[in-house]
Amino acid sequence: MTITDLTGATILVTGGTGSFGRKFTEIVLRSYRPKRLIVFSRDELKQHEMRQQFPDRDDSPMRYFIGDVRDRDRLYRAFVGVDIIVHAAALKQVPACEYNPFEAIQTNIIGAKNIIDAAIDQGVKRVVAISTDKAVSPVNLYGATKLCAEKVVVRANAYAGAASTRFACVRYGNVVGSRGSVVPLFRQQRASGTVTVTDPRMTRFWITLEQGVNLVLYAITHMHGGEVFVPKIPSMNIMDLAHAIAPGCDIREIGIRPGEKLHEMLISEDEARHTSELDDVYVIYPENPSWSLELSEKGRRLPDGFSYASNTNDRWLSVAELRRMVGEVEP
């Protein structure tokens, strides 16, 4: 197996029937020749629907595995012979996590611990966990659980001891068109002539599913263990998005929701002190790794006081660019 191109690798994606998992499957099957590509998720209907697009019959590398990251024993069975794990399973709806805090903790934190234990014991080579900008200075439970998940995944490199398993994270912002996105809401509301925004000042980092998948593939092929990879991506203003999707509609402000920020952050000022900048990505290194970690020789140190926030970004999406990204036709 050659890690750098995934050819001949056995890859497992937790939460594989979600928006990310589907796009990841599409890109990997199109660009590489994996030995096996395993979709691990708990929803049999979504697996059935995904199987119609990516069948598992004949000589297909696709496999579908019903299971939950809360079930440690099931993970041990699923990880037999696996080379690479992409951990995308999570409870991520902010209101649902606030109302069901113990469920969020069980899936997002305990689930990550279960994956770490099973990956080390089953000899998995690399694990990449997907995180979010909401893990930086979190104000809601979802962000707090993802911060904890990041911490345990990074420290898992020490926890692995003499084992060869290595762990890293990717962290990015809002995904265009993912489930729960504001895009379908605006499309639904525009028929009435009025769309609602929480606060006209709100900004967000914006990334496509394909960019998210490519970041994960980059992390798999460049990680040494313990890094958090952060992409350089543009910001958008919520009013520009509303104008892009529903031009000419009235806009009604309804107030910011509990657990929501006006602006998101991908790298805090404190993290920037141990972050390297590459051409298209930032790499956050652990402050005190107790395992062998090779730092990037090409990385540039960030200036004092640097932070990477959606409202101070130097790249912004215009209304026209947003319209193209979400697949809207010029009015």
C-alpha atoms as a PDB file:
ATOM      1  CA  MET A   1       0.000   0.000   0.000  1.00  0.00           C
ATOM      2  CA  THR A   2       1.213   3.507  -0.863  1.00  0.00           C
ATOM      3  CA  ILE A   3      -0.176   6.002   1.634  1.00  0.00           C
ATOM      4  CA  THR A   4       0.558   8.977  -0.625  1.00  0.00           C
ATOM      5  CA  ASP A   5      -2.011   8.002  -3.238  1.00  0.00           C
ATOM      6  CA  LEU A   6      -4.337   5.661  -1.258  1.00  0.00           C
ATOM      7  CA  THR A   7      -3.980   2.976  -3.932  1.00  0.00           C
ATOM      8  CA  GLY A   8      -4.425  -0.441  -2.345  1.00  0.00           C
ATOM      9  CA  ALA A   9      -5.454   1.061   1.007  1.00  0.00           C
ATOM     10  CA  THR A  10      -8.399  -0.065   3.110  1.00  0.00           C
ATOM     11  CA  ILE A  11     -10.212   3.082   4.224  1.00  0.00           C
ATOM     12  CA  LEU A  12     -13.096   3.396   6.689  1.00  0.00           C
ATOM     13  CA  VAL A  13     -15.272   6.501   7.093  1.00  0.00           C
ATOM     14  CA  THR A  14     -17.371   6.873  10.244  1.00  0.00           C
ATOM     15  CA  GLY A  15     -20.581   8.774   9.623  1.00  0.00           C
ATOM     16  CA  GLY A  16     -20.003   7.782   6.014  1.00  0.00           C
ATOM     17  CA  THR A  17     -23.582   8.349   4.833  1.00  0.00           C
ATOM     18  CA  GLY A  18     -23.472  12.079   5.639  1.00  0.00           C
ATOM     19  CA  SER A  19     -22.744  14.888   3.190  1.00  0.00           C
ATOM     20  CA  PHE A  20     -18.992  14.611   3.736  1.00  0.00           C
ATOM     21  CA  GLY A  21     -18.944  10.811   3.504  1.00  0.00           C
ATOM     22  CA  ARG A  22     -20.781  10.780   0.195  1.00  0.00           C
ATOM     23  CA  LYS A  23     -18.462  13.361  -1.350  1.00  0.00           C
ATOM     24  CA  PHE A  24     -15.391  11.608   0.088  1.00  0.00           C
ATOM     25  CA  THR A  25     -16.547   8.315  -1.442  1.00  0.00           C
ATOM     26  CA  GLU A  26     -17.179   9.965  -4.803  1.00  0.00           C
ATOM     27  CA  ILE A  27     -13.733  11.594  -4.944  1.00  0.00           C
ATOM     28  CA  VAL A  28     -11.761   8.585  -3.682  1.00  0.00           C
ATOM     29  CA  LEU A  29     -13.438   6.193  -6.128  1.00  0.00           C
ATOM     30  CA  ARG A  30     -12.885   8.653  -8.967  1.00  0.00           C
ATOM     31  CA  SER A  31      -9.249   9.473  -8.209  1.00  0.00           C
ATOM     32  CA  TYR A  32      -7.783   6.362  -6.532  1.00  0.00           C
ATOM     33  CA  ARG A  33      -8.058   2.598  -6.443  1.00  0.00           C
ATOM     34  CA  PRO A  34      -8.557   1.639  -2.790  1.00  0.00           C
ATOM     35  CA  LYS A  35      -8.630  -2.007  -1.850  1.00  0.00           C
ATOM     36  CA  ARG A  36     -11.744  -1.378   0.251  1.00  0.00           C
ATOM     37  CA  LEU A  37     -13.766   1.694   1.136  1.00  0.00           C
ATOM     38  CA  ILE A  38     -15.965   1.025   4.169  1.00  0.00           C
ATOM     39  CA  VAL A  39     -18.932   3.202   5.078  1.00  0.00           C
ATOM     40  CA  PHE A  40     -19.566   2.905   8.824  1.00  0.00           C
ATOM     41  CA  SER A  41     -22.818   4.445  10.067  1.00  0.00           C
ATOM     42  CA  ARG A  42     -25.903   3.650  12.112  1.00  0.00           C
ATOM     43  CA  ASP A  43     -28.656   4.469   9.578  1.00  0.00           C
ATOM     44  CA  GLU A  44     -29.632   1.486   7.434  1.00  0.00           C
ATOM     45  CA  LEU A  45     -31.922   3.570   5.197  1.00  0.00           C
ATOM     46  CA  LYS A  46     -29.167   6.036   4.331  1.00  0.00           C
ATOM     47  CA  GLN A  47     -26.825   3.135   3.636  1.00  0.00           C
ATOM     48  CA  HIS A  48     -29.437   1.595   1.330  1.00  0.00           C
ATOM     49  CA  GLU A  49     -29.806   4.897  -0.527  1.00  0.00           C
ATOM     50  CA  MET A  50     -26.046   5.355  -0.776  1.00  0.00           C
ATOM     51  CA  ARG A  51     -25.664   1.800  -2.045  1.00  0.00           C
ATOM     52  CA  GLN A  52     -27.753   2.745  -5.106  1.00  0.00           C
ATOM     53  CA  GLN A  53     -25.134   5.337  -6.051  1.00  0.00           C
ATOM     54  CA  PHE A  54     -22.073   3.378  -4.914  1.00  0.00           C
ATOM     55  CA  PRO A  55     -22.936  -0.336  -5.175  1.00  0.00           C
ATOM     56  CA  ASP A  56     -21.007  -2.987  -3.258  1.00  0.00           C
ATOM     57  CA  ARG A  57     -21.504  -5.868  -5.672  1.00  0.00           C
ATOM     58  CA  ASP A  58     -19.135  -7.571  -8.131  1.00  0.00           C
ATOM     59  CA  ASP A  59     -15.592  -6.169  -7.946  1.00  0.00           C
ATOM     60  CA  SER A  60     -16.550  -2.935  -6.171  1.00  0.00           C
ATOM     61  CA  PRO A  61     -14.325  -1.897  -3.229  1.00  0.00           C
ATOM     62  CA  MET A  62     -17.380  -0.561  -1.374  1.00  0.00           C
ATOM     63  CA  ARG A  63     -18.500  -2.098   1.909  1.00  0.00           C
ATOM     64  CA  TYR A  64     -21.298  -0.986   4.233  1.00  0.00           C
ATOM     65  CA  PHE A  65     -21.080  -1.559   7.962  1.00  0.00           C
ATOM     66  CA  ILE A  66     -23.941  -0.805  10.370  1.00  0.00           C
ATOM     67  CA  GLY A  67     -22.604   0.445  13.689  1.00  0.00           C
ATOM     68  CA  ASP A  68     -22.346   3.317  16.162  1.00  0.00           C
ATOM     69  CA  VAL A  69     -19.141   4.952  17.414  1.00  0.00           C
ATOM     70  CA  ARG A  70     -20.562   4.557  20.929  1.00  0.00           C
ATOM     71  CA  ASP A  71     -20.281   0.775  20.523  1.00  0.00           C
ATOM     72  CA  ARG A  72     -16.635  -0.027  21.266  1.00  0.00           C
ATOM     73  CA  ASP A  73     -16.930  -3.721  20.430  1.00  0.00           C
ATOM     74  CA  ARG A  74     -18.447  -2.969  17.037  1.00  0.00           C
ATOM     75  CA  LEU A  75     -15.568  -0.645  16.214  1.00  0.00           C
ATOM     76  CA  TYR A  76     -13.065  -3.374  17.068  1.00  0.00           C
ATOM     77  CA  ARG A  77     -14.783  -5.655  14.578  1.00  0.00           C
ATOM     78  CA  ALA A  78     -15.066  -2.965  11.880  1.00  0.00           C
ATOM     79  CA  PHE A  79     -11.408  -1.899  12.103  1.00  0.00           C
ATOM     80  CA  VAL A  80      -9.907  -5.315  11.336  1.00  0.00           C
ATOM     81  CA  GLY A  81      -7.529  -4.886   8.390  1.00  0.00           C
ATOM     82  CA  VAL A  82      -8.189  -1.135   8.061  1.00  0.00           C
ATOM     83  CA  ASP A  83      -5.269   1.156   7.123  1.00  0.00           C
ATOM     84  CA  ILE A  84      -6.877   4.622   7.292  1.00  0.00           C
ATOM     85  CA  ILE A  85      -9.845   5.957   9.275  1.00  0.00           C
ATOM     86  CA  VAL A  86     -11.629   9.220   8.541  1.00  0.00           C
ATOM     87  CA  HIS A  87     -13.746  10.064  11.569  1.00  0.00           C
ATOM     88  CA  ALA A  88     -16.709  12.170  10.418  1.00  0.00           C
ATOM     89  CA  ALA A  89     -19.454  10.846  12.723  1.00  0.00           C
ATOM     90  CA  ALA A  90     -20.853  13.445  15.113  1.00  0.00           C
ATOM     91  CA  LEU A  91     -23.943  15.013  16.577  1.00  0.00           C
ATOM     92  CA  LYS A  92     -23.573  18.525  15.170  1.00  0.00           C
ATOM     93  CA  GLN A  93     -26.898  20.353  15.331  1.00  0.00           C
ATOM     94  CA  VAL A  94     -26.351  23.057  17.946  1.00  0.00           C
ATOM     95  CA  PRO A  95     -29.932  23.147  19.366  1.00  0.00           C
ATOM     96  CA  ALA A  96     -30.109  19.340  19.520  1.00  0.00           C
ATOM     97  CA  CYS A  97     -26.805  19.159  21.403  1.00  0.00           C
ATOM     98  CA  GLU A  98     -27.958  21.836  23.856  1.00  0.00           C
ATOM     99  CA  TYR A  99     -31.185  19.929  24.567  1.00  0.00           C
ATOM    100  CA  ASN A 100     -29.500  16.492  24.683  1.00  0.00           C
ATOM    101  CA  PRO A 101     -26.093  17.204  26.245  1.00  0.00           C
ATOM    102  CA  PHE A 102     -25.321  13.683  27.431  1.00  0.00           C
ATOM    103  CA  GLU A 103     -26.054  12.288  23.972  1.00  0.00           C
ATOM    104  CA  ALA A 104     -23.655  14.801  22.408  1.00  0.00           C
ATOM    105  CA  ILE A 105     -20.956  13.849  24.901  1.00  0.00           C
ATOM    106  CA  GLN A 106     -21.469  10.120  24.317  1.00  0.00           C
ATOM    107  CA  THR A 107     -21.116  10.455  20.532  1.00  0.00           C
ATOM    108  CA  ASN A 108     -18.645  13.288  20.089  1.00  0.00           C
ATOM    109  CA  ILE A 109     -16.254  12.645  22.998  1.00  0.00           C
ATOM    110  CA  ILE A 110     -16.694   9.047  24.155  1.00  0.00           C
ATOM    111  CA  GLY A 111     -17.092   7.999  20.514  1.00  0.00           C
ATOM    112  CA  ALA A 112     -13.721   9.573  19.711  1.00  0.00           C
ATOM    113  CA  LYS A 113     -12.127   7.702  22.629  1.00  0.00           C
ATOM    114  CA  ASN A 114     -13.602   4.420  21.386  1.00  0.00           C
ATOM    115  CA  ILE A 115     -12.154   5.030  17.928  1.00  0.00           C
ATOM    116  CA  ILE A 116      -8.728   5.746  19.415  1.00  0.00           C
ATOM    117  CA  ASP A 117      -8.703   2.527  21.472  1.00  0.00           C
ATOM    118  CA  ALA A 118      -9.906   0.351  18.595  1.00  0.00           C
ATOM    119  CA  ALA A 119      -7.557   1.950  16.044  1.00  0.00           C
ATOM    120  CA  ILE A 120      -4.482   1.423  18.216  1.00  0.00           C
ATOM    121  CA  ASP A 121      -5.362  -2.146  19.149  1.00  0.00           C
ATOM    122  CA  GLN A 122      -6.242  -3.135  15.571  1.00  0.00           C
ATOM    123  CA  GLY A 123      -3.077  -1.629  14.066  1.00  0.00           C
ATOM    124  CA  VAL A 124      -4.700   1.109  11.979  1.00  0.00           C
ATOM    125  CA  LYS A 125      -1.958   3.289  10.451  1.00  0.00           C
ATOM    126  CA  ARG A 126      -3.587   6.731  10.289  1.00  0.00           C
ATOM    127  CA  VAL A 127      -6.682   8.372  11.755  1.00  0.00           C
ATOM    128  CA  VAL A 128      -7.937  11.801  10.684  1.00  0.00           C
ATOM    129  CA  ALA A 129     -10.795  13.337  12.696  1.00  0.00           C
ATOM    130  CA  ILE A 130     -12.953  16.148  11.337  1.00  0.00           C
ATOM    131  CA  SER A 131     -13.461  19.157  13.607  1.00  0.00           C
ATOM    132  CA  THR A 132     -15.064  22.579  13.292  1.00  0.00           C
ATOM    133  CA  ASP A 133     -14.398  26.272  13.836  1.00  0.00           C
ATOM    134  CA  LYS A 134     -16.915  26.050  16.687  1.00  0.00           C
ATOM    135  CA  ALA A 135     -14.262  24.161  18.693  1.00  0.00           C
ATOM    136  CA  VAL A 136     -12.256  27.410  19.025  1.00  0.00           C
ATOM    137  CA  SER A 137     -13.322  29.348  22.143  1.00  0.00           C
ATOM    138  CA  PRO A 138     -16.613  27.419  22.183  1.00  0.00           C
ATOM    139  CA  VAL A 139     -19.854  29.036  23.361  1.00  0.00           C
ATOM    140  CA  ASN A 140     -22.126  26.027  22.839  1.00  0.00           C
ATOM    141  CA  LEU A 141     -22.009  22.356  23.821  1.00  0.00           C
ATOM    142  CA  TYR A 142     -21.383  21.169  20.272  1.00  0.00           C
ATOM    143  CA  GLY A 143     -18.236  23.302  20.069  1.00  0.00           C
ATOM    144  CA  ALA A 144     -17.152  22.173  23.536  1.00  0.00           C
ATOM    145  CA  THR A 145     -17.491  18.494  22.630  1.00  0.00           C
ATOM    146  CA  LYS A 146     -15.519  18.994  19.417  1.00  0.00           C
ATOM    147  CA  LEU A 147     -12.791  20.813  21.361  1.00  0.00           C
ATOM    148  CA  CYS A 148     -12.575  17.819  23.714  1.00  0.00           C
ATOM    149  CA  ALA A 149     -12.526  15.457  20.740  1.00  0.00           C
ATOM    150  CA  GLU A 150      -9.639  17.411  19.195  1.00  0.00           C
ATOM    151  CA  LYS A 151      -7.698  17.227  22.462  1.00  0.00           C
ATOM    152  CA  VAL A 152      -8.110  13.466  22.883  1.00  0.00           C
ATOM    153  CA  VAL A 153      -7.285  12.770  19.226  1.00  0.00           C
ATOM    154  CA  VAL A 154      -4.086  14.840  19.359  1.00  0.00           C
ATOM    155  CA  ARG A 155      -2.951  13.281  22.654  1.00  0.00           C
ATOM    156  CA  ALA A 156      -3.772   9.813  21.313  1.00  0.00           C
ATOM    157  CA  ASN A 157      -0.372   9.924  19.623  1.00  0.00           C
ATOM    158  CA  ALA A 158       1.194   9.673  23.096  1.00  0.00           C
ATOM    159  CA  TYR A 159      -1.478   7.264  24.305  1.00  0.00           C
ATOM    160  CA  ALA A 160      -0.535   4.901  21.449  1.00  0.00           C
ATOM    161  CA  GLY A 161       2.865   4.288  23.062  1.00  0.00           C
ATOM    162  CA  ALA A 162       5.006   2.014  20.936  1.00  0.00           C
ATOM    163  CA  ALA A 163       2.154   1.346  18.487  1.00  0.00           C
ATOM    164  CA  SER A 164       2.520   2.816  14.987  1.00  0.00           C
ATOM    165  CA  THR A 165      -0.964   4.387  14.805  1.00  0.00           C
ATOM    166  CA  ARG A 166      -0.883   8.146  14.209  1.00  0.00           C
ATOM    167  CA  PHE A 167      -3.712  10.664  14.717  1.00  0.00           C
ATOM    168  CA  ALA A 168      -4.435  14.141  13.342  1.00  0.00           C
ATOM    169  CA  CYS A 169      -7.383  16.514  12.919  1.00  0.00           C
ATOM    170  CA  VAL A 170      -8.714  18.845  10.265  1.00  0.00           C
ATOM    171  CA  ARG A 171     -10.693  21.927  11.296  1.00  0.00           C
ATOM    172  CA  TYR A 172     -12.818  23.982   8.928  1.00  0.00           C
ATOM    173  CA  GLY A 173     -15.883  26.230   8.745  1.00  0.00           C
ATOM    174  CA  ASN A 174     -19.422  26.084   7.392  1.00  0.00           C
ATOM    175  CA  VAL A 175     -19.890  23.743   4.440  1.00  0.00           C
ATOM    176  CA  VAL A 176     -21.852  24.921   1.419  1.00  0.00           C
ATOM    177  CA  GLY A 177     -25.081  22.948   1.089  1.00  0.00           C
ATOM    178  CA  SER A 178     -24.460  20.492   3.937  1.00  0.00           C
ATOM    179  CA  ARG A 179     -27.369  19.181   5.979  1.00  0.00           C
ATOM    180  CA  GLY A 180     -28.672  21.878   8.302  1.00  0.00           C
ATOM    181  CA  SER A 181     -27.174  24.657   6.162  1.00  0.00           C
ATOM    182  CA  VAL A 182     -28.950  28.014   5.866  1.00  0.00           C
ATOM    183  CA  VAL A 183     -28.896  27.669   2.062  1.00  0.00           C
ATOM    184  CA  PRO A 184     -31.966  25.386   1.771  1.00  0.00           C
ATOM    185  CA  LEU A 185     -33.782  27.577   4.326  1.00  0.00           C
ATOM    186  CA  PHE A 186     -33.265  30.702   2.200  1.00  0.00           C
ATOM    187  CA  ARG A 187     -34.408  28.795  -0.899  1.00  0.00           C
ATOM    188  CA  GLN A 188     -37.559  27.720   0.876  1.00  0.00           C
ATOM    189  CA  GLN A 189     -38.300  31.189   2.236  1.00  0.00           C
ATOM    190  CA  ARG A 190     -37.777  33.147  -0.980  1.00  0.00           C
ATOM    191  CA  ALA A 191     -41.080  31.883  -2.402  1.00  0.00           C
ATOM    192  CA  SER A 192     -42.809  33.958   0.290  1.00  0.00           C
ATOM    193  CA  GLY A 193     -40.863  37.094  -0.601  1.00  0.00           C
ATOM    194  CA  THR A 194     -39.246  37.340   2.846  1.00  0.00           C
ATOM    195  CA  VAL A 195     -36.124  35.670   4.228  1.00  0.00           C
ATOM    196  CA  THR A 196     -34.998  35.734   7.861  1.00  0.00           C
ATOM    197  CA  VAL A 197     -31.485  36.403   9.145  1.00  0.00           C
ATOM    198  CA  THR A 198     -30.403  36.211  12.764  1.00  0.00           C
ATOM    199  CA  ASP A 199     -28.108  39.258  12.644  1.00  0.00           C
ATOM    200  CA  PRO A 200     -26.984  41.256   9.580  1.00  0.00           C
ATOM    201  CA  ARG A 201     -23.434  41.559  10.986  1.00  0.00           C
ATOM    202  CA  MET A 202     -22.906  37.796  11.068  1.00  0.00           C
ATOM    203  CA  THR A 203     -19.924  36.351   9.187  1.00  0.00           C
ATOM    204  CA  ARG A 204     -18.848  32.784   8.571  1.00  0.00           C
ATOM    205  CA  PHE A 205     -15.997  30.863   6.981  1.00  0.00           C
ATOM    206  CA  TRP A 206     -17.249  29.133   3.844  1.00  0.00           C
ATOM    207  CA  ILE A 207     -15.955  25.917   2.283  1.00  0.00           C
ATOM    208  CA  THR A 208     -17.278  23.472  -0.296  1.00  0.00           C
ATOM    209  CA  LEU A 209     -17.619  19.754   0.350  1.00  0.00           C
ATOM    210  CA  GLU A 210     -14.937  19.049  -2.244  1.00  0.00           C
ATOM    211  CA  GLN A 211     -12.522  21.427  -0.520  1.00  0.00           C
ATOM    212  CA  GLY A 212     -13.243  19.673   2.785  1.00  0.00           C
ATOM    213  CA  VAL A 213     -12.516  16.266   1.265  1.00  0.00           C
ATOM    214  CA  ASN A 214      -9.310  17.516  -0.342  1.00  0.00           C
ATOM    215  CA  LEU A 215      -8.159  18.877   3.032  1.00  0.00           C
ATOM    216  CA  VAL A 216      -8.716  15.458   4.613  1.00  0.00           C
ATOM    217  CA  LEU A 217      -6.793  13.774   1.792  1.00  0.00           C
ATOM    218  CA  TYR A 218      -3.989  16.294   2.280  1.00  0.00           C
ATOM    219  CA  ALA A 219      -3.920  15.521   6.012  1.00  0.00           C
ATOM    220  CA  ILE A 220      -3.793  11.759   5.392  1.00  0.00           C
ATOM    221  CA  THR A 221      -0.788  12.100   3.103  1.00  0.00           C
ATOM    222  CA  HIS A 222       1.128  14.796   5.047  1.00  0.00           C
ATOM    223  CA  MET A 223       0.428  14.068   8.724  1.00  0.00           C
ATOM    224  CA  HIS A 224       3.102  12.913  11.151  1.00  0.00           C
ATOM    225  CA  GLY A 225       0.796  12.758  14.184  1.00  0.00           C
ATOM    226  CA  GLY A 226      -0.711  15.476  16.376  1.00  0.00           C
ATOM    227  CA  GLU A 227      -1.351  18.203  13.828  1.00  0.00           C
ATOM    228  CA  VAL A 228      -4.557  20.173  13.315  1.00  0.00           C
ATOM    229  CA  PHE A 229      -4.809  21.196   9.665  1.00  0.00           C
ATOM    230  CA  VAL A 230      -6.729  24.424   8.952  1.00  0.00           C
ATOM    231  CA  PRO A 231      -7.471  25.512   5.360  1.00  0.00           C
ATOM    232  CA  LYS A 232      -7.146  29.039   4.045  1.00  0.00           C
ATOM    233  CA  ILE A 233     -10.738  29.730   3.033  1.00  0.00           C
ATOM    234  CA  PRO A 234     -12.829  32.853   2.378  1.00  0.00           C
ATOM    235  CA  SER A 235     -15.434  34.457   4.607  1.00  0.00           C
ATOM    236  CA  MET A 236     -18.948  35.524   3.722  1.00  0.00           C
ATOM    237  CA  ASN A 237     -21.481  37.901   5.225  1.00  0.00           C
ATOM    238  CA  ILE A 238     -24.954  36.506   5.886  1.00  0.00           C
ATOM    239  CA  MET A 239     -26.598  39.463   4.106  1.00  0.00           C
ATOM    240  CA  ASP A 240     -24.566  38.784   0.943  1.00  0.00           C
ATOM    241  CA  LEU A 241     -25.689  35.144   1.044  1.00  0.00           C
ATOM    242  CA  ALA A 242     -29.328  36.212   1.408  1.00  0.00           C
ATOM    243  CA  HIS A 243     -28.990  38.562  -1.572  1.00  0.00           C
ATOM    244  CA  ALA A 244     -27.283  35.805  -3.591  1.00  0.00           C
ATOM    245  CA  ILE A 245     -30.060  33.259  -3.025  1.00  0.00           C
ATOM    246  CA  ALA A 246     -33.110  35.497  -2.678  1.00  0.00           C
ATOM    247  CA  PRO A 247     -32.451  38.722  -4.621  1.00  0.00           C
ATOM    248  CA  GLY A 248     -35.216  41.283  -4.267  1.00  0.00           C
ATOM    249  CA  CYS A 249     -36.746  39.628  -1.192  1.00  0.00           C
ATOM    250  CA  ASP A 250     -37.409  41.462   2.039  1.00  0.00           C
ATOM    251  CA  ILE A 251     -35.033  40.550   4.841  1.00  0.00           C
ATOM    252  CA  ARG A 252     -36.327  40.253   8.399  1.00  0.00           C
ATOM    253  CA  GLU A 253     -33.964  40.180  11.375  1.00  0.00           C
ATOM    254  CA  ILE A 254     -34.991  37.643  14.036  1.00  0.00           C
ATOM    255  CA  GLY A 255     -32.117  37.866  16.523  1.00  0.00           C
ATOM    256  CA  ILE A 256     -29.130  35.664  17.233  1.00  0.00           C
ATOM    257  CA  ARG A 257     -29.914  32.195  18.566  1.00  0.00           C
ATOM    258  CA  PRO A 258     -28.635  30.748  21.852  1.00  0.00           C
ATOM    259  CA  GLY A 259     -25.177  29.248  21.489  1.00  0.00           C
ATOM    260  CA  GLU A 260     -24.442  31.161  18.298  1.00  0.00           C
ATOM    261  CA  LYS A 261     -21.572  33.581  17.620  1.00  0.00           C
ATOM    262  CA  LEU A 262     -21.559  36.673  15.454  1.00  0.00           C
ATOM    263  CA  HIS A 263     -18.194  35.591  14.035  1.00  0.00           C
ATOM    264  CA  GLU A 264     -16.315  32.294  14.033  1.00  0.00           C
ATOM    265  CA  MET A 265     -12.615  31.618  14.571  1.00  0.00           C
ATOM    266  CA  LEU A 266     -10.382  28.923  13.093  1.00  0.00           C
ATOM    267  CA  ILE A 267      -7.135  29.760  14.918  1.00  0.00           C
ATOM    268  CA  SER A 268      -6.987  31.582  18.235  1.00  0.00           C
ATOM    269  CA  GLU A 269      -4.207  33.985  19.161  1.00  0.00           C
ATOM    270  CA  ASP A 270      -2.794  31.468  21.630  1.00  0.00           C
ATOM    271  CA  GLU A 271      -2.795  28.650  19.055  1.00  0.00           C
ATOM    272  CA  ALA A 272      -1.061  30.898  16.520  1.00  0.00           C
ATOM    273  CA  ARG A 273       2.104  30.783  18.641  1.00  0.00           C
ATOM    274  CA  HIS A 274       2.618  27.139  17.671  1.00  0.00           C
ATOM    275  CA  THR A 275       1.181  27.269  14.150  1.00  0.00           C
ATOM    276  CA  SER A 276       3.003  27.143  10.809  1.00  0.00           C
ATOM    277  CA  GLU A 277       1.687  28.770   7.647  1.00  0.00           C
ATOM    278  CA  LEU A 278       1.977  26.979   4.317  1.00  0.00           C
ATOM    279  CA  ASP A 279       0.685  28.175   0.951  1.00  0.00           C
ATOM    280  CA  ASP A 280      -2.876  26.863   1.283  1.00  0.00           C
ATOM    281  CA  VAL A 281      -3.103  25.600   4.852  1.00  0.00           C
ATOM    282  CA  TYR A 282      -2.150  26.375   8.439  1.00  0.00           C
ATOM    283  CA  VAL A 283      -0.757  23.561  10.602  1.00  0.00           C
ATOM    284  CA  ILE A 284      -1.320  23.805  14.355  1.00  0.00           C
ATOM    285  CA  TYR A 285       1.221  21.698  16.242  1.00  0.00           C
ATOM    286  CA  PRO A 286       0.795  20.427  19.822  1.00  0.00           C
ATOM    287  CA  GLU A 287       2.667  22.582  22.314  1.00  0.00           C
ATOM    288  CA  ASN A 288       4.433  19.769  24.169  1.00  0.00           C
ATOM    289  CA  PRO A 289       4.384  16.553  22.143  1.00  0.00           C
ATOM    290  CA  SER A 290       5.770  13.556  24.000  1.00  0.00           C
ATOM    291  CA  TRP A 291       6.081  11.575  20.781  1.00  0.00           C
ATOM    292  CA  SER A 292       8.271  11.966  17.703  1.00  0.00           C
ATOM    293  CA  LEU A 293       6.792  14.765  15.576  1.00  0.00           C
ATOM    294  CA  GLU A 294       8.410  16.143  12.447  1.00  0.00           C
ATOM    295  CA  LEU A 295       7.689  19.846  11.924  1.00  0.00           C
ATOM    296  CA  SER A 296       7.192  21.213   8.433  1.00  0.00           C
ATOM    297  CA  GLU A 297      10.412  22.773   7.156  1.00  0.00           C
ATOM    298  CA  LYS A 298       8.519  24.940   4.672  1.00  0.00           C
ATOM    299  CA  GLY A 299       6.215  26.479   7.259  1.00  0.00           C
ATOM    300  CA  ARG A 300       6.356  30.157   8.192  1.00  0.00           C
ATOM    301  CA  ARG A 301       5.853  31.433  11.718  1.00  0.00           C
ATOM    302  CA  LEU A 302       2.798  33.601  12.276  1.00  0.00           C
ATOM    303  CA  PRO A 303       3.213  37.173  13.559  1.00  0.00           C
ATOM    304  CA  ASP A 304       2.538  38.041  17.191  1.00  0.00           C
ATOM    305  CA  GLY A 305      -1.130  38.712  17.861  1.00  0.00           C
ATOM    306  CA  PHE A 306      -2.309  36.749  14.814  1.00  0.00           C
ATOM    307  CA  SER A 307      -5.724  35.097  14.908  1.00  0.00           C
ATOM    308  CA  TYR A 308      -7.801  33.676  12.083  1.00  0.00           C
ATOM    309  CA  ALA A 309     -11.386  34.916  12.439  1.00  0.00           C
ATOM    310  CA  SER A 310     -14.210  35.159   9.917  1.00  0.00           C
ATOM    311  CA  ASN A 311     -14.687  38.925  10.383  1.00  0.00           C
ATOM    312  CA  THR A 312     -10.985  39.828   9.975  1.00  0.00           C
ATOM    313  CA  ASN A 313     -10.269  37.506   7.051  1.00  0.00           C
ATOM    314  CA  ASP A 314      -8.485  38.975   4.026  1.00  0.00           C
ATOM    315  CA  ARG A 315     -10.559  36.881   1.596  1.00  0.00           C
ATOM    316  CA  TRP A 316     -14.270  37.579   1.103  1.00  0.00           C
ATOM    317  CA  LEU A 317     -16.856  36.066  -1.203  1.00  0.00           C
ATOM    318  CA  SER A 318     -18.882  38.463  -3.331  1.00  0.00           C
ATOM    319  CA  VAL A 319     -22.594  38.008  -4.023  1.00  0.00           C
ATOM    320  CA  ALA A 320     -21.741  36.699  -7.501  1.00  0.00           C
ATOM    321  CA  GLU A 321     -19.223  34.197  -6.107  1.00  0.00           C
ATOM    322  CA  LEU A 322     -21.697  33.004  -3.483  1.00  0.00           C
ATOM    323  CA  ARG A 323     -24.336  32.557  -6.172  1.00  0.00           C
ATOM    324  CA  ARG A 324     -21.996  30.362  -8.197  1.00  0.00           C
ATOM    325  CA  MET A 325     -20.982  28.321  -5.158  1.00  0.00           C
ATOM    326  CA  VAL A 326     -24.547  27.483  -4.167  1.00  0.00           C
ATOM    327  CA  GLY A 327     -25.595  26.822  -7.768  1.00  0.00           C
ATOM    328  CA  GLU A 328     -27.942  29.764  -8.149  1.00  0.00           C
ATOM    329  CA  VAL A 329     -28.671  31.302 -11.570  1.00  0.00           C
ATOM    330  CA  GLU A 330     -27.954  34.988 -12.133  1.00  0.00           C
ATOM    331  CA  PRO A 331     -31.339  36.781 -11.881  1.00  0.00           C
END
